[in-house]
Amino acid sequence: MCPGSRLSLGRIGRGEHEAAAEIASKTFQSNPNWSNAHFLLAATHARLGRLDAARAAGARVMELQPGFSIAGMCTAYDMHQSIAAPVSEALKLAGLPD
């Protein structure tokens, strides 16, 4: 995981959604074909109430990584529950599978 991803996830965990969205946007701009950039966008958009944008980003995650699951992502990144819970909730709102 790139440093931007860790920063964005940490900001979501702290409820700093605007800051998380800015970092996610920069991560996306640096690599728009990376599924992690899209799941970060999906989570931050969902947290900011931008559900259409969150769902669009979630759909792109599934295009780039058809086997994606929220549980798999949380396990792969060994997320602490304080981060995993709000990120998981946001990704569910974005339409990504458990």
C-alpha atoms as a PDB file:
ATOM      1  CA  MET A   1       0.000   0.000   0.000  1.00  0.00           C
ATOM      2  CA  CYS A   2       1.342   3.424  -0.870  1.00  0.00           C
ATOM      3  CA  PRO A   3       1.808   6.117   1.789  1.00  0.00           C
ATOM      4  CA  GLY A   4      -1.128   8.092   0.390  1.00  0.00           C
ATOM      5  CA  SER A   5      -3.419   5.114   0.910  1.00  0.00           C
ATOM      6  CA  ARG A   6      -2.365   4.755   4.531  1.00  0.00           C
ATOM      7  CA  LEU A   7      -2.842   8.476   5.130  1.00  0.00           C
ATOM      8  CA  SER A   8      -6.269   8.508   3.535  1.00  0.00           C
ATOM      9  CA  LEU A   9      -7.418   5.459   5.511  1.00  0.00           C
ATOM     10  CA  GLY A  10      -6.104   6.952   8.732  1.00  0.00           C
ATOM     11  CA  ARG A  11      -7.988  10.179   8.082  1.00  0.00           C
ATOM     12  CA  ILE A  12     -11.200   8.228   7.488  1.00  0.00           C
ATOM     13  CA  GLY A  13     -10.642   6.434  10.780  1.00  0.00           C
ATOM     14  CA  ARG A  14     -10.337   9.798  12.530  1.00  0.00           C
ATOM     15  CA  GLY A  15     -13.399  11.237  10.838  1.00  0.00           C
ATOM     16  CA  GLU A  16     -11.346  13.704   8.771  1.00  0.00           C
ATOM     17  CA  HIS A  17     -13.262  12.978   5.581  1.00  0.00           C
ATOM     18  CA  GLU A  18     -12.373  16.096   3.573  1.00  0.00           C
ATOM     19  CA  ALA A  19      -8.651  15.526   4.222  1.00  0.00           C
ATOM     20  CA  ALA A  20      -9.062  11.841   3.348  1.00  0.00           C
ATOM     21  CA  ALA A  21     -10.784  12.807   0.083  1.00  0.00           C
ATOM     22  CA  GLU A  22      -7.967  15.186  -0.881  1.00  0.00           C
ATOM     23  CA  ILE A  23      -5.366  12.479  -0.318  1.00  0.00           C
ATOM     24  CA  ALA A  24      -7.481   9.891  -2.168  1.00  0.00           C
ATOM     25  CA  SER A  25      -7.809  12.281  -5.109  1.00  0.00           C
ATOM     26  CA  LYS A  26      -4.036  12.757  -5.284  1.00  0.00           C
ATOM     27  CA  THR A  27      -3.539   8.981  -5.094  1.00  0.00           C
ATOM     28  CA  PHE A  28      -6.011   8.553  -7.958  1.00  0.00           C
ATOM     29  CA  GLN A  29      -4.323  11.263 -10.047  1.00  0.00           C
ATOM     30  CA  SER A  30      -0.966   9.536  -9.696  1.00  0.00           C
ATOM     31  CA  ASN A  31      -2.369   6.170 -10.852  1.00  0.00           C
ATOM     32  CA  PRO A  32      -5.941   6.208 -12.186  1.00  0.00           C
ATOM     33  CA  ASN A  33      -5.860   2.501 -13.084  1.00  0.00           C
ATOM     34  CA  TRP A  34      -4.984   1.263  -9.602  1.00  0.00           C
ATOM     35  CA  SER A  35      -7.940  -0.362  -7.830  1.00  0.00           C
ATOM     36  CA  ASN A  36      -6.783   0.942  -4.431  1.00  0.00           C
ATOM     37  CA  ALA A  37      -7.112   4.515  -5.653  1.00  0.00           C
ATOM     38  CA  HIS A  38     -10.712   3.783  -6.584  1.00  0.00           C
ATOM     39  CA  PHE A  39     -11.605   2.113  -3.286  1.00  0.00           C
ATOM     40  CA  LEU A  40     -10.182   5.136  -1.484  1.00  0.00           C
ATOM     41  CA  LEU A  41     -12.331   7.408  -3.626  1.00  0.00           C
ATOM     42  CA  ALA A  42     -15.361   5.178  -3.017  1.00  0.00           C
ATOM     43  CA  ALA A  43     -14.856   5.314   0.749  1.00  0.00           C
ATOM     44  CA  THR A  44     -14.232   9.049   0.942  1.00  0.00           C
ATOM     45  CA  HIS A  45     -17.108   9.937  -1.383  1.00  0.00           C
ATOM     46  CA  ALA A  46     -19.439   7.746   0.673  1.00  0.00           C
ATOM     47  CA  ARG A  47     -18.293   9.378   3.908  1.00  0.00           C
ATOM     48  CA  LEU A  48     -18.989  12.802   2.405  1.00  0.00           C
ATOM     49  CA  GLY A  49     -22.475  11.771   1.255  1.00  0.00           C
ATOM     50  CA  ARG A  50     -21.562  11.734  -2.431  1.00  0.00           C
ATOM     51  CA  LEU A  51     -23.188   8.364  -3.035  1.00  0.00           C
ATOM     52  CA  ASP A  52     -23.359   8.530  -6.838  1.00  0.00           C
ATOM     53  CA  ALA A  53     -19.627   9.227  -7.016  1.00  0.00           C
ATOM     54  CA  ALA A  54     -18.963   6.551  -4.381  1.00  0.00           C
ATOM     55  CA  ARG A  55     -20.900   3.953  -6.374  1.00  0.00           C
ATOM     56  CA  ALA A  56     -19.128   4.917  -9.598  1.00  0.00           C
ATOM     57  CA  ALA A  57     -15.743   4.505  -7.893  1.00  0.00           C
ATOM     58  CA  GLY A  58     -16.910   1.204  -6.389  1.00  0.00           C
ATOM     59  CA  ALA A  59     -17.945  -0.056  -9.826  1.00  0.00           C
ATOM     60  CA  ARG A  60     -14.497   0.822 -11.152  1.00  0.00           C
ATOM     61  CA  VAL A  61     -12.894  -1.165  -8.302  1.00  0.00           C
ATOM     62  CA  MET A  62     -14.855  -4.218  -9.423  1.00  0.00           C
ATOM     63  CA  GLU A  63     -13.820  -3.697 -13.050  1.00  0.00           C
ATOM     64  CA  LEU A  64     -10.154  -3.492 -12.106  1.00  0.00           C
ATOM     65  CA  GLN A  65     -10.242  -6.167  -9.390  1.00  0.00           C
ATOM     66  CA  PRO A  66     -13.241  -8.499  -9.912  1.00  0.00           C
ATOM     67  CA  GLY A  67     -12.488 -10.554  -6.787  1.00  0.00           C
ATOM     68  CA  PHE A  68     -12.431  -7.537  -4.468  1.00  0.00           C
ATOM     69  CA  SER A  69     -14.126  -7.889  -1.104  1.00  0.00           C
ATOM     70  CA  ILE A  70     -14.175  -5.538   1.847  1.00  0.00           C
ATOM     71  CA  ALA A  71     -13.154  -8.293   4.264  1.00  0.00           C
ATOM     72  CA  GLY A  72     -10.289  -9.333   2.002  1.00  0.00           C
ATOM     73  CA  MET A  73      -9.036  -5.772   1.760  1.00  0.00           C
ATOM     74  CA  CYS A  74      -9.191  -5.265   5.529  1.00  0.00           C
ATOM     75  CA  THR A  75      -7.294  -8.521   6.075  1.00  0.00           C
ATOM     76  CA  ALA A  76      -4.709  -7.812   3.380  1.00  0.00           C
ATOM     77  CA  TYR A  77      -3.929  -4.412   4.895  1.00  0.00           C
ATOM     78  CA  ASP A  78      -4.159  -5.688   8.484  1.00  0.00           C
ATOM     79  CA  MET A  79      -6.406  -2.767   9.396  1.00  0.00           C
ATOM     80  CA  HIS A  80      -7.060  -1.974  13.018  1.00  0.00           C
ATOM     81  CA  GLN A  81     -10.762  -2.121  13.857  1.00  0.00           C
ATOM     82  CA  SER A  82     -10.836   1.644  14.427  1.00  0.00           C
ATOM     83  CA  ILE A  83     -10.053   2.101  10.743  1.00  0.00           C
ATOM     84  CA  ALA A  84     -11.629  -1.052   9.310  1.00  0.00           C
ATOM     85  CA  ALA A  85     -15.106  -0.308  10.707  1.00  0.00           C
ATOM     86  CA  PRO A  86     -15.647   3.149   9.163  1.00  0.00           C
ATOM     87  CA  VAL A  87     -13.930   2.165   5.907  1.00  0.00           C
ATOM     88  CA  SER A  88     -16.024  -1.008   5.635  1.00  0.00           C
ATOM     89  CA  GLU A  89     -19.224   0.894   6.313  1.00  0.00           C
ATOM     90  CA  ALA A  90     -18.343   3.448   3.642  1.00  0.00           C
ATOM     91  CA  LEU A  91     -17.451   0.779   1.078  1.00  0.00           C
ATOM     92  CA  LYS A  92     -20.747  -0.989   1.702  1.00  0.00           C
ATOM     93  CA  LEU A  93     -22.520   2.303   0.944  1.00  0.00           C
ATOM     94  CA  ALA A  94     -20.502   2.427  -2.279  1.00  0.00           C
ATOM     95  CA  GLY A  95     -21.906  -0.959  -3.246  1.00  0.00           C
ATOM     96  CA  LEU A  96     -18.791  -3.071  -2.739  1.00  0.00           C
ATOM     97  CA  PRO A  97     -19.219  -6.664  -1.535  1.00  0.00           C
ATOM     98  CA  ASP A  98     -18.488  -7.776   2.007  1.00  0.00           C
END
